[in-house]
Amino acid sequence: MLSMKVFTRDYRITGDYPSAFTRYFGNMKPCVFDIETTGLDAYRCKVCLTAMLTRTESGVRITQFLAENHYEENRVIQATMDFFESEGIDYLITFNGQAFDVPFMNRRMEYTFMDGRISMFNFDLYKLLSKGTDLRKHLSSLSQKSLENYYGILDDRNDVITGRESVTMFNEYAVTGNSTLEKIILTHNREDVLHLHRLMFLSITDIEDFDSAIASVGFPLLEGKYSVRPHLSSARKLLRIRGDQLQDAVSAAFFPDLESNITALFNSASSAYEIDIPVGCLNTSNGIEFYFDAEAEGIDLSDDPDCINGFLILNPRTVNLAAARLTEKVISRITPCF
């Protein structure tokens, strides 16, 4: 009988992610996630190892599911999906996971006729640092190990191989079952999630304008069922909100009327949505300021320090706030019991 292997290891690492981060993610439960595969082509290659880092009362725990050969991929994938559900994971933290890890997993489930799909919010640190910082100007690449070197933690790694070498080693391990190869493969995968967790603390704290940075890649809404990517167009005097319906996608359209200036389009086929609303502007001693008429849209933001007489002065933080509340309003019209 095939017997996929399960490994767990606990670390006494404490502390919360920076407050700028938790402002957008609140009490949602994260999971740092990484996969190892037998190659880059999701139609020909397989998932052979997954790692999940989650919080515990005394620190963090890393759980790994390892295939012992090329025929146990389904077991690894199913165990990973069951882990997400049993642990109540609300969102993933990955490094380039939006381009590789998550779509690779979903394609393998589809290709092998497995039920299920990863449809939770994916916070991709690579994408955030690529779009929201100028680190590319200082580094030859934005690879994870390059960033670890930049932040001074690369030498703390206990592994000695690359992802490409891991592929070669797994192919040999699948034939021989060599315990030394097993340890090397597991260590590389485990160190990836452990150091990604450390990079979260270091890099996010280092971002001067986190509100603008996260707006460029998106933040979760309604327990991660939607992603939100706002942009204030000063030339068009428009707040445009784009995002994805990560669960239960619908199609709907709204146009300006006597009660609201909102234009919104939701597409179930692409799972995307887009919301537009005009904003006002005025000349001040500090230059041109843009504002959103929250009161006219029936949105109560009176507790916010940047809301004056129902008008929300727009800055990177309040742009994201307005986008979240406007999106919630539109979604409530589609699904009143959200």
Protein backbone atom coordinates (compact mmCIF):
# COMPACT_ATOMS: atom_id res chain seq x y z
CA MET A 1 0.00 0.00 0.00
CA LEU A 2 1.26 3.50 -0.84
CA SER A 3 2.12 5.44 2.31
CA MET A 4 2.74 9.14 1.84
CA LYS A 5 4.92 10.50 4.65
CA VAL A 6 3.92 13.24 7.10
CA PHE A 7 6.41 15.32 9.06
CA THR A 8 5.88 18.04 11.67
CA ARG A 9 8.35 20.29 13.46
CA ASP A 10 7.73 23.02 16.03
CA TYR A 11 9.73 26.20 16.49
CA ARG A 12 9.62 28.64 19.40
CA ILE A 13 9.22 31.74 17.23
CA THR A 14 6.80 34.32 18.61
CA GLY A 15 5.53 37.73 17.59
CA ASP A 16 2.85 39.15 15.34
CA TYR A 17 3.15 40.51 11.84
CA PRO A 18 3.51 44.32 11.68
CA SER A 19 0.41 46.36 12.55
CA ALA A 20 0.20 47.72 9.00
CA PHE A 21 -0.30 44.15 7.81
CA THR A 22 -2.79 43.10 10.47
CA ARG A 23 -4.89 46.19 9.70
CA TYR A 24 -5.88 44.46 6.45
CA PHE A 25 -5.91 40.84 7.60
CA GLY A 26 -7.30 41.19 11.12
CA ASN A 27 -7.96 37.84 12.79
CA MET A 28 -7.83 35.81 9.59
CA LYS A 29 -5.72 32.68 10.02
CA PRO A 30 -2.62 32.55 7.78
CA CYS A 31 -0.64 29.63 6.41
CA VAL A 32 2.81 30.07 4.88
CA PHE A 33 2.76 27.69 1.92
CA ASP A 34 5.33 26.24 -0.47
CA ILE A 35 5.44 23.27 -2.83
CA GLU A 36 8.13 21.17 -4.48
CA THR A 37 7.43 19.66 -7.90
CA THR A 38 9.14 17.35 -10.39
CA GLY A 39 9.38 20.24 -12.88
CA LEU A 40 7.78 23.49 -14.00
CA ASP A 41 5.17 22.18 -16.46
CA ALA A 42 1.96 21.56 -14.52
CA TYR A 43 0.60 19.32 -17.29
CA ARG A 44 3.56 16.92 -17.28
CA CYS A 45 5.13 17.33 -13.85
CA LYS A 46 3.81 16.51 -10.40
CA VAL A 47 3.57 17.86 -6.86
CA CYS A 48 5.88 15.77 -4.70
CA LEU A 49 6.09 17.77 -1.44
CA THR A 50 4.15 20.53 0.32
CA ALA A 51 4.97 22.57 3.42
CA MET A 52 2.57 24.56 5.60
CA LEU A 53 3.70 26.85 8.42
CA THR A 54 1.00 27.77 10.94
CA ARG A 55 0.95 29.55 14.29
CA THR A 56 0.80 27.68 17.60
CA GLU A 57 0.51 28.92 21.19
CA SER A 58 4.28 28.63 21.65
CA GLY A 59 5.49 29.58 18.17
CA VAL A 60 5.02 28.01 14.75
CA ARG A 61 4.60 24.49 13.37
CA ILE A 62 5.68 23.27 9.96
CA THR A 63 3.74 20.35 8.49
CA GLN A 64 5.04 18.56 5.39
CA PHE A 65 3.49 15.93 3.14
CA LEU A 66 6.03 13.98 1.07
CA ALA A 67 5.36 11.56 -1.77
CA GLU A 68 7.61 8.49 -1.57
CA ASN A 69 7.38 8.00 -5.33
CA HIS A 70 5.82 9.49 -8.47
CA TYR A 71 2.48 7.74 -7.86
CA GLU A 72 1.54 9.45 -4.60
CA GLU A 73 0.85 12.95 -5.91
CA ASN A 74 -2.91 12.70 -5.31
CA ARG A 75 -2.29 11.74 -1.69
CA VAL A 76 -0.04 14.76 -1.15
CA ILE A 77 -2.50 17.15 -2.77
CA GLN A 78 -5.53 15.72 -0.94
CA ALA A 79 -3.72 15.79 2.41
CA THR A 80 -2.79 19.44 1.77
CA MET A 81 -6.36 20.41 0.91
CA ASP A 82 -7.66 18.54 3.98
CA PHE A 83 -5.08 20.38 6.10
CA PHE A 84 -6.33 23.77 4.91
CA GLU A 85 -9.89 22.80 5.84
CA SER A 86 -9.19 21.13 9.17
CA GLU A 87 -6.92 23.96 10.33
CA GLY A 88 -9.41 26.64 9.26
CA ILE A 89 -6.90 28.43 7.06
CA ASP A 90 -8.27 31.76 5.76
CA TYR A 91 -5.42 32.85 3.51
CA LEU A 92 -2.04 31.74 2.20
CA ILE A 93 1.32 33.50 2.39
CA THR A 94 3.54 32.55 -0.54
CA PHE A 95 6.57 33.69 -2.48
CA ASN A 96 5.62 33.90 -6.15
CA GLY A 97 2.72 31.65 -5.25
CA GLN A 98 0.23 33.53 -7.42
CA ALA A 99 2.27 32.65 -10.49
CA PHE A 100 3.45 29.17 -9.52
CA ASP A 101 2.43 27.29 -6.36
CA VAL A 102 -1.33 27.89 -6.35
CA PRO A 103 -2.00 27.63 -10.11
CA PHE A 104 0.23 24.53 -10.25
CA MET A 105 -1.80 22.86 -7.49
CA ASN A 106 -5.09 23.80 -9.16
CA ARG A 107 -3.96 22.57 -12.57
CA ARG A 108 -2.83 19.26 -11.10
CA MET A 109 -6.20 18.78 -9.38
CA GLU A 110 -7.99 19.57 -12.61
CA TYR A 111 -5.70 17.42 -14.76
CA THR A 112 -6.00 14.39 -12.45
CA PHE A 113 -9.80 14.82 -12.02
CA MET A 114 -9.60 15.58 -8.32
CA ASP A 115 -12.40 17.48 -6.61
CA GLY A 116 -11.33 20.77 -5.10
CA ARG A 117 -9.54 23.99 -5.86
CA ILE A 118 -7.52 26.47 -3.81
CA SER A 119 -9.82 29.48 -3.77
CA MET A 120 -8.64 31.48 -0.78
CA PHE A 121 -6.78 34.78 -0.72
CA ASN A 122 -3.09 34.42 -1.58
CA PHE A 123 -0.77 37.06 -0.14
CA ASP A 124 2.26 36.87 -2.43
CA LEU A 125 5.26 38.56 -0.79
CA TYR A 126 7.24 38.47 -4.04
CA LYS A 127 4.51 40.38 -5.84
CA LEU A 128 4.25 42.95 -3.02
CA LEU A 129 7.98 43.64 -2.97
CA SER A 130 8.17 43.67 -6.75
CA LYS A 131 5.34 46.17 -7.24
CA GLY A 132 5.34 48.09 -3.98
CA THR A 133 9.04 48.74 -3.34
CA ASP A 134 12.19 49.80 -5.19
CA LEU A 135 14.18 46.73 -4.11
CA ARG A 136 14.80 45.82 -7.75
CA LYS A 137 17.12 48.84 -7.93
CA HIS A 138 19.25 47.47 -5.11
CA LEU A 139 19.28 43.73 -5.87
CA SER A 140 20.35 41.72 -8.89
CA SER A 141 17.17 39.66 -8.51
CA LEU A 142 14.14 39.38 -6.25
CA SER A 143 14.56 35.67 -5.59
CA GLN A 144 13.78 34.54 -2.06
CA LYS A 145 17.41 33.73 -1.29
CA SER A 146 18.52 37.09 -2.68
CA LEU A 147 16.12 38.81 -0.30
CA GLU A 148 17.26 36.63 2.58
CA ASN A 149 20.81 37.72 1.85
CA TYR A 150 19.71 41.39 1.69
CA TYR A 151 18.07 41.12 5.12
CA GLY A 152 20.97 39.18 6.62
CA ILE A 153 19.28 35.82 7.28
CA LEU A 154 20.56 33.69 4.39
CA ASP A 155 23.40 32.23 6.46
CA ASP A 156 20.84 30.96 8.99
CA ARG A 157 19.57 28.40 6.48
CA ASN A 158 20.29 24.72 7.19
CA ASP A 159 19.82 23.57 3.59
CA VAL A 160 22.47 23.47 0.90
CA ILE A 161 20.52 22.90 -2.33
CA THR A 162 18.43 24.83 -4.85
CA GLY A 163 14.92 24.10 -6.05
CA ARG A 164 16.34 22.68 -9.28
CA GLU A 165 18.60 20.32 -7.35
CA SER A 166 15.61 19.26 -5.26
CA VAL A 167 13.90 18.00 -8.44
CA THR A 168 16.87 15.81 -9.35
CA MET A 169 17.16 14.50 -5.81
CA PHE A 170 13.47 13.60 -5.59
CA ASN A 171 13.65 11.61 -8.82
CA GLU A 172 16.49 9.60 -7.32
CA TYR A 173 14.72 9.32 -3.96
CA ALA A 174 11.56 7.97 -5.65
CA VAL A 175 13.63 5.04 -6.92
CA THR A 176 15.98 4.40 -4.00
CA GLY A 177 14.09 5.65 -0.93
CA ASN A 178 17.45 6.95 0.33
CA SER A 179 16.98 8.49 3.80
CA THR A 180 19.76 11.06 3.29
CA LEU A 181 18.10 12.37 0.15
CA GLU A 182 14.81 12.49 2.02
CA LYS A 183 16.31 14.63 4.77
CA ILE A 184 17.92 17.04 2.28
CA ILE A 185 14.68 17.49 0.30
CA LEU A 186 12.59 18.03 3.44
CA THR A 187 15.08 20.51 4.89
CA HIS A 188 15.10 22.64 1.73
CA ASN A 189 11.30 22.81 1.64
CA ARG A 190 11.04 23.46 5.38
CA GLU A 191 13.63 26.25 5.28
CA ASP A 192 11.73 27.94 2.44
CA VAL A 193 8.58 28.44 4.53
CA LEU A 194 10.49 29.21 7.73
CA HIS A 195 12.53 31.95 6.05
CA LEU A 196 9.53 33.30 4.16
CA HIS A 197 7.86 33.71 7.55
CA ARG A 198 10.92 35.68 8.74
CA LEU A 199 10.96 37.79 5.58
CA MET A 200 7.37 38.84 6.32
CA PHE A 201 8.50 40.56 9.52
CA LEU A 202 11.60 42.16 8.04
CA SER A 203 10.39 43.35 4.65
CA ILE A 204 6.95 44.65 5.61
CA THR A 205 8.38 46.67 8.48
CA ASP A 206 10.81 48.15 5.95
CA ILE A 207 8.08 49.38 3.57
CA GLU A 208 7.53 53.10 4.11
CA ASP A 209 4.07 53.30 2.50
CA PHE A 210 2.49 49.91 3.09
CA ASP A 211 -1.02 51.15 2.22
CA SER A 212 0.03 52.03 -1.33
CA ALA A 213 2.09 48.86 -1.63
CA ILE A 214 -0.73 46.52 -0.68
CA ALA A 215 -3.20 48.42 -2.88
CA SER A 216 -1.00 47.55 -5.86
CA VAL A 217 -1.38 43.81 -5.26
CA GLY A 218 -4.68 43.65 -3.39
CA PHE A 219 -5.96 42.88 0.08
CA PRO A 220 -8.72 40.52 1.27
CA LEU A 221 -12.32 41.41 1.97
CA LEU A 222 -15.17 39.53 3.65
CA GLU A 223 -12.97 36.79 5.16
CA GLY A 224 -10.96 36.43 1.99
CA LYS A 225 -13.86 35.79 -0.37
CA TYR A 226 -12.86 38.83 -2.44
CA SER A 227 -9.64 40.64 -3.26
CA VAL A 228 -9.55 44.44 -3.54
CA ARG A 229 -7.10 46.51 -5.65
CA PRO A 230 -8.00 50.23 -5.56
CA HIS A 231 -6.50 53.00 -7.66
CA LEU A 232 -7.20 56.73 -7.45
CA SER A 233 -7.03 58.33 -10.90
CA SER A 234 -6.39 62.02 -10.28
CA ALA A 235 -6.63 62.82 -13.99
CA ARG A 236 -10.08 61.25 -14.34
CA LYS A 237 -11.19 62.15 -10.78
CA LEU A 238 -12.19 58.55 -10.30
CA LEU A 239 -11.70 55.85 -7.69
CA ARG A 240 -11.43 52.56 -9.55
CA ILE A 241 -11.57 49.27 -7.66
CA ARG A 242 -10.57 46.03 -9.32
CA GLY A 243 -10.47 42.61 -7.76
CA ASP A 244 -11.35 38.94 -7.89
CA GLN A 245 -14.32 36.96 -6.65
CA LEU A 246 -12.40 34.14 -5.01
CA GLN A 247 -15.51 32.17 -4.05
CA ASP A 248 -19.02 31.85 -5.51
CA ALA A 249 -18.43 34.21 -8.44
CA VAL A 250 -21.51 35.90 -9.93
CA SER A 251 -22.30 38.18 -12.86
CA ALA A 252 -23.98 41.51 -12.17
CA ALA A 253 -23.97 45.13 -13.33
CA PHE A 254 -24.85 48.42 -11.61
CA PHE A 255 -25.04 51.87 -13.13
CA PRO A 256 -25.37 55.38 -11.61
CA ASP A 257 -28.86 56.40 -10.56
CA LEU A 258 -30.51 58.88 -8.19
CA GLU A 259 -29.30 56.96 -5.15
CA SER A 260 -25.70 56.18 -6.06
CA ASN A 261 -22.90 57.22 -8.42
CA ILE A 262 -21.42 53.72 -8.49
CA THR A 263 -20.74 51.82 -11.71
CA ALA A 264 -19.94 48.15 -11.16
CA LEU A 265 -19.46 45.05 -13.29
CA PHE A 266 -19.04 41.50 -11.92
CA ASN A 267 -18.09 38.64 -14.26
CA SER A 268 -18.61 35.05 -13.15
CA ALA A 269 -16.65 33.61 -16.09
CA SER A 270 -13.42 35.44 -15.23
CA SER A 271 -14.27 35.83 -11.50
CA ALA A 272 -13.19 39.48 -11.85
CA TYR A 273 -15.05 42.64 -10.89
CA GLU A 274 -14.59 46.38 -11.36
CA ILE A 275 -16.18 49.29 -9.51
CA ASP A 276 -15.91 52.99 -10.42
CA ILE A 277 -17.04 56.03 -8.49
CA PRO A 278 -16.33 59.73 -9.11
CA VAL A 279 -14.40 61.67 -6.47
CA GLY A 280 -14.23 65.40 -5.80
CA CYS A 281 -11.20 67.64 -5.54
CA LEU A 282 -10.40 71.01 -4.02
CA ASN A 283 -7.43 73.34 -3.88
CA THR A 284 -5.81 73.70 -0.47
CA SER A 285 -2.66 75.27 0.89
CA ASN A 286 -1.05 71.83 0.55
CA GLY A 287 -2.11 71.47 -3.07
CA ILE A 288 -5.01 69.54 -4.59
CA GLU A 289 -6.83 67.17 -2.25
CA PHE A 290 -9.30 64.52 -3.39
CA TYR A 291 -12.29 63.44 -1.38
CA PHE A 292 -15.01 60.83 -1.42
CA ASP A 293 -18.60 61.74 -0.50
CA ALA A 294 -19.23 58.87 1.89
CA GLU A 295 -22.43 60.37 3.27
CA ALA A 296 -24.01 60.62 -0.18
CA GLU A 297 -23.28 56.91 -0.73
CA GLY A 298 -24.82 56.01 2.63
CA ILE A 299 -21.52 54.89 4.14
CA ASP A 300 -20.81 55.94 7.71
CA LEU A 301 -17.14 56.80 8.15
CA SER A 302 -17.68 59.46 10.79
CA ASP A 303 -15.30 57.74 13.22
CA ASP A 304 -12.37 58.11 10.84
CA PRO A 305 -10.10 61.10 11.58
CA ASP A 306 -9.92 61.92 7.85
CA CYS A 307 -13.70 62.10 7.47
CA ILE A 308 -15.04 65.66 7.77
CA ASN A 309 -18.80 66.30 7.59
CA GLY A 310 -19.31 63.08 5.64
CA PHE A 311 -16.45 63.72 3.20
CA LEU A 312 -13.49 61.35 3.40
CA ILE A 313 -10.18 63.02 2.48
CA LEU A 314 -8.34 60.55 0.27
CA ASN A 315 -4.80 59.41 1.03
CA PRO A 316 -3.25 55.93 0.60
CA ARG A 317 -4.88 54.61 3.77
CA THR A 318 -8.34 56.09 3.18
CA VAL A 319 -8.37 55.11 -0.49
CA ASN A 320 -8.15 51.50 0.68
CA LEU A 321 -10.78 52.13 3.37
CA ALA A 322 -13.20 53.69 0.88
CA ALA A 323 -12.58 50.89 -1.61
CA ALA A 324 -13.34 48.24 0.99
CA ARG A 325 -16.57 49.88 2.15
CA LEU A 326 -17.76 50.59 -1.40
CA THR A 327 -17.08 47.00 -2.44
CA GLU A 328 -18.97 45.72 0.60
CA LYS A 329 -21.90 47.94 -0.33
CA VAL A 330 -22.05 46.66 -3.91
CA ILE A 331 -21.66 43.02 -2.82
CA SER A 332 -24.50 43.45 -0.33
CA ARG A 333 -26.76 44.42 -3.21
CA ILE A 334 -25.82 41.21 -5.02
CA THR A 335 -25.93 38.92 -1.99
CA PRO A 336 -27.90 40.65 0.79
CA CYS A 337 -26.92 38.01 3.38
CA PHE A 338 -23.17 38.13 2.86
